[in-house]
PDB file of N, CA and C in Angstrom:
ATOM      1  N   MET A   1      36.477  -0.973  16.070  1.00  0.00           N
ATOM      2  CA  MET A   1      35.148  -2.068  15.751  1.00  0.00           C
ATOM      3  C   MET A   1      34.013  -1.299  15.793  1.00  0.00           C
ATOM      4  N   LEU A   2      34.061   0.539  16.494  1.00  0.00           N
ATOM      5  CA  LEU A   2      33.104   1.123  16.018  1.00  0.00           C
ATOM      6  C   LEU A   2      33.579   2.167  14.776  1.00  0.00           C
ATOM      7  N   GLU A   3      34.291   2.403  14.106  1.00  0.00           N
ATOM      8  CA  GLU A   3      35.030   2.910  12.763  1.00  0.00           C
ATOM      9  C   GLU A   3      34.693   1.677  11.415  1.00  0.00           C
ATOM     10  N   ASP A   4      34.434   0.426  11.810  1.00  0.00           N
ATOM     11  CA  ASP A   4      33.881  -0.938  10.938  1.00  0.00           C
ATOM     12  C   ASP A   4      32.084  -0.768  11.363  1.00  0.00           C
ATOM     13  N   LEU A   5      32.007  -0.326  12.067  1.00  0.00           N
ATOM     14  CA  LEU A   5      30.639  -0.426  11.905  1.00  0.00           C
ATOM     15  C   LEU A   5      29.447   1.000  11.733  1.00  0.00           C
ATOM     16  N   ARG A   6      30.327   2.260  11.626  1.00  0.00           N
ATOM     17  CA  ARG A   6      29.935   2.707  11.646  1.00  0.00           C
ATOM     18  C   ARG A   6      30.409   3.050   9.284  1.00  0.00           C
ATOM     19  N   LYS A   7      31.260   2.318   9.125  1.00  0.00           N
ATOM     20  CA  LYS A   7      31.543   2.147   7.631  1.00  0.00           C
ATOM     21  C   LYS A   7      29.768   1.283   6.670  1.00  0.00           C
ATOM     22  N   ASN A   8      29.595   0.566   7.802  1.00  0.00           N
ATOM     23  CA  ASN A   8      29.089  -0.754   6.840  1.00  0.00           C
ATOM     24  C   ASN A   8      27.488   0.724   7.034  1.00  0.00           C
ATOM     25  N   PHE A   9      26.934   1.372   7.949  1.00  0.00           N
ATOM     26  CA  PHE A   9      25.980   1.937   8.164  1.00  0.00           C
ATOM     27  C   PHE A   9      26.154   3.127   7.139  1.00  0.00           C
ATOM     28  N   MET A  10      26.889   3.781   6.891  1.00  0.00           N
ATOM     29  CA  MET A  10      26.825   4.876   5.831  1.00  0.00           C
ATOM     30  C   MET A  10      28.195   4.873   4.250  1.00  0.00           C
ATOM     31  N   GLU A  11      27.577   3.188   4.226  1.00  0.00           N
ATOM     32  CA  GLU A  11      28.111   2.890   2.874  1.00  0.00           C
ATOM     33  C   GLU A  11      27.486   3.775   2.099  1.00  0.00           C
ATOM     34  N   GLU A  12      28.307   4.458   0.877  1.00  0.00           N
ATOM     35  CA  GLU A  12      27.975   5.499  -0.066  1.00  0.00           C
ATOM     36  C   GLU A  12      28.279   4.860  -0.860  1.00  0.00           C
ATOM     37  N   LYS A  13      27.543   3.283  -1.576  1.00  0.00           N
ATOM     38  CA  LYS A  13      28.273   2.520  -3.014  1.00  0.00           C
ATOM     39  C   LYS A  13      26.611   2.269  -3.258  1.00  0.00           C
ATOM     40  N   PHE A  14      26.384   2.157  -4.766  1.00  0.00           N
ATOM     41  CA  PHE A  14      24.956   2.661  -5.218  1.00  0.00           C
ATOM     42  C   PHE A  14      24.283   1.019  -4.731  1.00  0.00           C
ATOM     43  N   LYS A  15      22.964   0.699  -4.467  1.00  0.00           N
ATOM     44  CA  LYS A  15      23.106  -0.798  -4.273  1.00  0.00           C
ATOM     45  C   LYS A  15      21.154  -0.594  -4.264  1.00  0.00           C
ATOM     46  N   MET A  16      20.515  -2.041  -4.952  1.00  0.00           N
ATOM     47  CA  MET A  16      19.838  -2.343  -5.330  1.00  0.00           C
ATOM     48  C   MET A  16      19.388  -3.679  -4.506  1.00  0.00           C
ATOM     49  N   ILE A  17      17.749  -4.119  -3.584  1.00  0.00           N
ATOM     50  CA  ILE A  17      17.144  -5.114  -3.618  1.00  0.00           C
ATOM     51  C   ILE A  17      16.280  -4.526  -3.593  1.00  0.00           C
ATOM     52  N   ILE A  18      16.296  -5.966  -4.388  1.00  0.00           N
ATOM     53  CA  ILE A  18      15.241  -6.315  -4.905  1.00  0.00           C
ATOM     54  C   ILE A  18      14.471  -7.676  -4.255  1.00  0.00           C
ATOM     55  N   TYR A  19      12.814  -7.384  -3.921  1.00  0.00           N
ATOM     56  CA  TYR A  19      12.306  -8.052  -3.795  1.00  0.00           C
ATOM     57  C   TYR A  19      10.569  -8.166  -3.341  1.00  0.00           C
ATOM     58  N   GLY A  20      10.126  -8.780  -4.136  1.00  0.00           N
ATOM     59  CA  GLY A  20       8.547  -9.746  -4.263  1.00  0.00           C
ATOM     60  C   GLY A  20       9.017  -7.965  -5.249  1.00  0.00           C
ATOM     61  N   ASN A  21       7.264  -7.329  -5.443  1.00  0.00           N
ATOM     62  CA  ASN A  21       7.065  -6.533  -6.416  1.00  0.00           C
ATOM     63  C   ASN A  21       7.318  -4.870  -5.943  1.00  0.00           C
ATOM     64  N   LYS A  22       8.460  -4.981  -5.108  1.00  0.00           N
ATOM     65  CA  LYS A  22       9.580  -3.745  -5.107  1.00  0.00           C
ATOM     66  C   LYS A  22      10.741  -3.687  -5.267  1.00  0.00           C
ATOM     67  N   ILE A  23      10.762  -2.498  -5.462  1.00  0.00           N
ATOM     68  CA  ILE A  23      13.435  -2.229  -5.215  1.00  0.00           C
ATOM     69  C   ILE A  23      12.603  -1.234  -4.355  1.00  0.00           C
ATOM     70  N   ASP A  24      14.390  -1.414  -3.946  1.00  0.00           N
ATOM     71  CA  ASP A  24      14.784  -0.122  -3.124  1.00  0.00           C
ATOM     72  C   ASP A  24      15.815  -0.057  -3.279  1.00  0.00           C
ATOM     73  N   ILE A  25      16.198   1.573  -3.839  1.00  0.00           N
ATOM     74  CA  ILE A  25      17.323   2.010  -4.568  1.00  0.00           C
ATOM     75  C   ILE A  25      17.974   2.667  -3.461  1.00  0.00           C
ATOM     76  N   LEU A  26      19.669   2.256  -2.479  1.00  0.00           N
ATOM     77  CA  LEU A  26      19.946   3.334  -1.789  1.00  0.00           C
ATOM     78  C   LEU A  26      21.392   4.052  -2.934  1.00  0.00           C
ATOM     79  N   ASN A  27      21.587   4.863  -2.534  1.00  0.00           N
ATOM     80  CA  ASN A  27      22.762   5.327  -2.974  1.00  0.00           C
ATOM     81  C   ASN A  27      22.718   6.649  -4.206  1.00  0.00           C
ATOM     82  N   TYR A  28      21.374   6.476  -4.639  1.00  0.00           N
ATOM     83  CA  TYR A  28      20.699   6.918  -6.172  1.00  0.00           C
ATOM     84  C   TYR A  28      21.271   8.508  -6.736  1.00  0.00           C
ATOM     85  N   LYS A  29      21.751   9.482  -7.485  1.00  0.00           N
ATOM     86  CA  LYS A  29      22.153  10.019  -7.489  1.00  0.00           C
ATOM     87  C   LYS A  29      21.536  11.068  -7.933  1.00  0.00           C
ATOM     88  N   LYS A  30      20.068  10.644  -8.949  1.00  0.00           N
ATOM     89  CA  LYS A  30      18.803  11.287  -9.825  1.00  0.00           C
ATOM     90  C   LYS A  30      17.963  10.741 -10.038  1.00  0.00           C
ATOM     91  N   ILE A  31      16.438  11.187  -9.996  1.00  0.00           N
ATOM     92  CA  ILE A  31      15.284  10.552 -10.666  1.00  0.00           C
ATOM     93  C   ILE A  31      15.673  11.102 -11.240  1.00  0.00           C
ATOM     94  N   GLU A  32      15.432  10.488 -12.948  1.00  0.00           N
ATOM     95  CA  GLU A  32      15.449  10.804 -13.461  1.00  0.00           C
ATOM     96  C   GLU A  32      14.069  11.519 -14.396  1.00  0.00           C
ATOM     97  N   SER A  33      13.147   9.917 -14.348  1.00  0.00           N
ATOM     98  CA  SER A  33      11.782  10.530 -14.701  1.00  0.00           C
ATOM     99  C   SER A  33      11.015   9.983 -14.095  1.00  0.00           C
ATOM    100  N   ILE A  34       9.620   9.503 -13.666  1.00  0.00           N
ATOM    101  CA  ILE A  34       8.554   8.907 -13.586  1.00  0.00           C
ATOM    102  C   ILE A  34       7.404   8.399 -14.525  1.00  0.00           C
ATOM    103  N   LYS A  35       6.983   7.553 -14.543  1.00  0.00           N
ATOM    104  CA  LYS A  35       6.059   7.043 -14.867  1.00  0.00           C
ATOM    105  C   LYS A  35       5.455   6.031 -14.161  1.00  0.00           C
ATOM    106  N   ASP A  36       4.226   5.846 -14.744  1.00  0.00           N
ATOM    107  CA  ASP A  36       3.276   4.883 -14.459  1.00  0.00           C
ATOM    108  C   ASP A  36       4.197   3.421 -14.869  1.00  0.00           C
ATOM    109  N   ASN A  37       4.374   3.211 -16.260  1.00  0.00           N
ATOM    110  CA  ASN A  37       5.493   1.884 -17.273  1.00  0.00           C
ATOM    111  C   ASN A  37       7.238   2.374 -16.451  1.00  0.00           C
ATOM    112  N   GLU A  38       7.467   2.735 -16.016  1.00  0.00           N
ATOM    113  CA  GLU A  38       8.997   2.884 -16.705  1.00  0.00           C
ATOM    114  C   GLU A  38       8.879   4.361 -15.512  1.00  0.00           C
ATOM    115  N   ILE A  39      10.534   3.918 -14.785  1.00  0.00           N
ATOM    116  CA  ILE A  39      11.137   5.249 -13.550  1.00  0.00           C
ATOM    117  C   ILE A  39      12.613   4.790 -13.678  1.00  0.00           C
ATOM    118  N   VAL A  40      13.596   6.275 -14.061  1.00  0.00           N
ATOM    119  CA  VAL A  40      14.497   6.040 -14.797  1.00  0.00           C
ATOM    120  C   VAL A  40      15.205   6.613 -13.890  1.00  0.00           C
ATOM    121  N   ILE A  41      16.719   6.253 -13.180  1.00  0.00           N
ATOM    122  CA  ILE A  41      17.254   6.857 -12.037  1.00  0.00           C
ATOM    123  C   ILE A  41      18.113   6.609 -12.659  1.00  0.00           C
ATOM    124  N   THR A  42      19.604   7.433 -12.015  1.00  0.00           N
ATOM    125  CA  THR A  42      20.679   8.238 -12.265  1.00  0.00           C
ATOM    126  C   THR A  42      21.574   7.819 -10.789  1.00  0.00           C
ATOM    127  N   SER A  43      22.833   6.279 -10.772  1.00  0.00           N
ATOM    128  CA  SER A  43      23.786   6.100  -9.870  1.00  0.00           C
ATOM    129  C   SER A  43      25.226   7.673 -10.975  1.00  0.00           C
ATOM    130  N   ASP A  44      25.801   6.929 -10.457  1.00  0.00           N
ATOM    131  CA  ASP A  44      26.982   7.852 -10.343  1.00  0.00           C
ATOM    132  C   ASP A  44      27.504   7.658 -11.437  1.00  0.00           C
ATOM    133  N   ASN A  45      27.897   6.359 -12.325  1.00  0.00           N
ATOM    134  CA  ASN A  45      27.907   6.696 -13.505  1.00  0.00           C
ATOM    135  C   ASN A  45      27.163   5.720 -14.824  1.00  0.00           C
ATOM    136  N   LYS A  46      25.634   4.742 -14.189  1.00  0.00           N
ATOM    137  CA  LYS A  46      24.756   4.343 -14.966  1.00  0.00           C
ATOM    138  C   LYS A  46      23.301   5.036 -15.200  1.00  0.00           C
ATOM    139  N   ARG A  47      22.880   4.562 -15.518  1.00  0.00           N
ATOM    140  CA  ARG A  47      21.437   4.754 -15.925  1.00  0.00           C
ATOM    141  C   ARG A  47      20.647   3.857 -16.090  1.00  0.00           C
ATOM    142  N   ILE A  48      18.825   3.695 -14.706  1.00  0.00           N
ATOM    143  CA  ILE A  48      18.692   2.506 -14.215  1.00  0.00           C
ATOM    144  C   ILE A  48      16.991   2.869 -14.763  1.00  0.00           C
ATOM    145  N   TYR A  49      16.989   1.336 -15.627  1.00  0.00           N
ATOM    146  CA  TYR A  49      15.640   1.667 -15.998  1.00  0.00           C
ATOM    147  C   TYR A  49      14.329   1.206 -15.283  1.00  0.00           C
ATOM    148  N   ILE A  50      13.809   1.152 -14.613  1.00  0.00           N
ATOM    149  CA  ILE A  50      12.694  -0.168 -14.603  1.00  0.00           C
ATOM    150  C   ILE A  50      11.641   0.048 -15.037  1.00  0.00           C
ATOM    151  N   LYS A  51      10.694  -0.722 -15.757  1.00  0.00           N
ATOM    152  CA  LYS A  51       9.810  -0.787 -16.726  1.00  0.00           C
ATOM    153  C   LYS A  51       9.134  -2.489 -16.216  1.00  0.00           C
ATOM    154  N   GLY A  52       7.671  -1.519 -16.216  1.00  0.00           N
ATOM    155  CA  GLY A  52       6.713  -2.927 -15.339  1.00  0.00           C
ATOM    156  C   GLY A  52       4.871  -1.699 -15.633  1.00  0.00           C
ATOM    157  N   LYS A  53       4.140  -2.421 -15.222  1.00  0.00           N
ATOM    158  CA  LYS A  53       2.815  -1.672 -14.627  1.00  0.00           C
ATOM    159  C   LYS A  53       2.753  -0.841 -12.811  1.00  0.00           C
ATOM    160  N   ASN A  54       2.268   0.006 -13.094  1.00  0.00           N
ATOM    161  CA  ASN A  54       1.414   0.553 -12.218  1.00  0.00           C
ATOM    162  C   ASN A  54       2.742   1.031 -10.819  1.00  0.00           C
ATOM    163  N   LEU A  55       3.455   1.395 -11.776  1.00  0.00           N
ATOM    164  CA  LEU A  55       4.941   1.755 -10.861  1.00  0.00           C
ATOM    165  C   LEU A  55       4.601   3.291  -9.934  1.00  0.00           C
ATOM    166  N   VAL A  56       4.380   3.103  -8.634  1.00  0.00           N
ATOM    167  CA  VAL A  56       4.246   4.302  -7.708  1.00  0.00           C
ATOM    168  C   VAL A  56       6.245   4.261  -6.294  1.00  0.00           C
ATOM    169  N   ILE A  57       6.275   5.860  -6.256  1.00  0.00           N
ATOM    170  CA  ILE A  57       7.501   5.427  -5.476  1.00  0.00           C
ATOM    171  C   ILE A  57       6.775   5.943  -4.219  1.00  0.00           C
ATOM    172  N   ILE A  58       6.692   4.851  -3.554  1.00  0.00           N
ATOM    173  CA  ILE A  58       6.728   4.411  -1.890  1.00  0.00           C
ATOM    174  C   ILE A  58       6.922   4.901  -1.010  1.00  0.00           C
ATOM    175  N   LYS A  59       8.691   5.505  -0.656  1.00  0.00           N
ATOM    176  CA  LYS A  59       9.917   5.921  -0.125  1.00  0.00           C
ATOM    177  C   LYS A  59      10.368   6.975  -0.825  1.00  0.00           C
ATOM    178  N   LEU A  60      10.467   8.243   0.040  1.00  0.00           N
ATOM    179  CA  LEU A  60      11.346   8.706  -0.945  1.00  0.00           C
ATOM    180  C   LEU A  60      12.156   9.645   0.158  1.00  0.00           C
ATOM    181  N   VAL A  61      13.585   9.136   0.209  1.00  0.00           N
ATOM    182  CA  VAL A  61      14.488  10.055   1.030  1.00  0.00           C
ATOM    183  C   VAL A  61      15.371  10.247   0.276  1.00  0.00           C
ATOM    184  N   LYS A  62      16.477  11.515   1.123  1.00  0.00           N
ATOM    185  CA  LYS A  62      17.630  12.114   1.051  1.00  0.00           C
ATOM    186  C   LYS A  62      18.498  11.170  -0.482  1.00  0.00           C
ATOM    187  N   ASP A  63      18.960   9.558   0.459  1.00  0.00           N
ATOM    188  CA  ASP A  63      19.451   8.734  -0.491  1.00  0.00           C
ATOM    189  C   ASP A  63      19.119   7.310  -0.186  1.00  0.00           C
ATOM    190  N   GLU A  64      18.073   7.396  -0.400  1.00  0.00           N
ATOM    191  CA  GLU A  64      16.548   5.525  -0.893  1.00  0.00           C
ATOM    192  C   GLU A  64      15.331   5.905  -1.419  1.00  0.00           C
ATOM    193  N   VAL A  65      14.518   5.539  -2.438  1.00  0.00           N
ATOM    194  CA  VAL A  65      13.591   5.400  -3.326  1.00  0.00           C
ATOM    195  C   VAL A  65      13.406   4.496  -2.564  1.00  0.00           C
ATOM    196  N   LEU A  66      12.172   4.009  -2.896  1.00  0.00           N
ATOM    197  CA  LEU A  66      11.751   2.721  -2.350  1.00  0.00           C
ATOM    198  C   LEU A  66      10.783   2.534  -3.963  1.00  0.00           C
ATOM    199  N   ILE A  67      10.762   1.322  -4.693  1.00  0.00           N
ATOM    200  CA  ILE A  67       9.336   1.754  -5.852  1.00  0.00           C
ATOM    201  C   ILE A  67       8.305   0.753  -5.591  1.00  0.00           C
ATOM    202  N   GLN A  68       7.133   0.950  -5.921  1.00  0.00           N
ATOM    203  CA  GLN A  68       6.920  -0.736  -5.914  1.00  0.00           C
ATOM    204  C   GLN A  68       5.469  -0.927  -7.106  1.00  0.00           C
ATOM    205  N   GLY A  69       5.755  -2.207  -7.530  1.00  0.00           N
ATOM    206  CA  GLY A  69       4.823  -2.029  -8.681  1.00  0.00           C
ATOM    207  C   GLY A  69       4.907  -3.215  -9.360  1.00  0.00           C
ATOM    208  N   LEU A  70       3.929  -3.723 -10.190  1.00  0.00           N
ATOM    209  CA  LEU A  70       4.654  -4.845 -11.624  1.00  0.00           C
ATOM    210  C   LEU A  70       5.701  -5.145 -11.793  1.00  0.00           C
ATOM    211  N   ILE A  71       6.792  -5.351 -11.947  1.00  0.00           N
ATOM    212  CA  ILE A  71       7.754  -5.193 -12.482  1.00  0.00           C
ATOM    213  C   ILE A  71       8.390  -5.692 -13.564  1.00  0.00           C
ATOM    214  N   ASP A  72       8.141  -5.074 -14.955  1.00  0.00           N
ATOM    215  CA  ASP A  72       8.806  -6.491 -16.373  1.00  0.00           C
ATOM    216  C   ASP A  72      10.327  -6.609 -15.923  1.00  0.00           C
ATOM    217  N   ARG A  73      10.998  -5.426 -16.046  1.00  0.00           N
ATOM    218  CA  ARG A  73      12.288  -5.683 -16.407  1.00  0.00           C
ATOM    219  C   ARG A  73      12.519  -4.677 -15.919  1.00  0.00           C
ATOM    220  N   ILE A  74      14.379  -4.910 -15.528  1.00  0.00           N
ATOM    221  CA  ILE A  74      15.906  -3.664 -15.105  1.00  0.00           C
ATOM    222  C   ILE A  74      16.041  -3.738 -16.215  1.00  0.00           C
ATOM    223  N   ASP A  75      16.375  -2.341 -16.895  1.00  0.00           N
ATOM    224  CA  ASP A  75      17.520  -2.302 -17.580  1.00  0.00           C
ATOM    225  C   ASP A  75      18.655  -1.563 -17.336  1.00  0.00           C
ATOM    226  N   TYR A  76      19.916  -1.219 -17.096  1.00  0.00           N
ATOM    227  CA  TYR A  76      21.407  -0.048 -17.371  1.00  0.00           C
ATOM    228  C   TYR A  76      22.086  -0.305 -18.217  1.00  0.00           C
ATOM    229  N   GLY A  77      21.957   1.005 -18.495  1.00  0.00           N
ATOM    230  CA  GLY A  77      23.186   1.648 -19.112  1.00  0.00           C
ATOM    231  C   GLY A  77      24.281   2.789 -18.930  1.00  0.00           C
ATOM    232  N   GLN A  78      25.629   2.767 -19.381  1.00  0.00           N
ATOM    233  CA  GLN A  78      26.419   4.335 -19.195  1.00  0.00           C
ATOM    234  C   GLN A  78      25.542   5.121 -19.424  1.00  0.00           C
ATOM    235  N   ILE A  79      25.799   6.527 -18.914  1.00  0.00           N
ATOM    236  CA  ILE A  79      25.556   8.018 -18.783  1.00  0.00           C
ATOM    237  C   ILE A  79      27.398   8.722 -19.283  1.00  0.00           C
TER     238      ILE A  79
END
């Protein structure tokens, strides 16, 4: 049972959670670029393009980034 709890808390898969005007990205590899109208983030095998207006990073830790702003769209492609 303890091992199951540990796996849930220590999950290493890329995950993106969208709520309101925020995007929480977990287990990303690298932030490629930051502009007020586009933020580009790399995961294991994808590059994610977050496009909008007034985009800012409001939380940045080792494996999590929280982005806030007026999000118009999210695109992704293979690296």
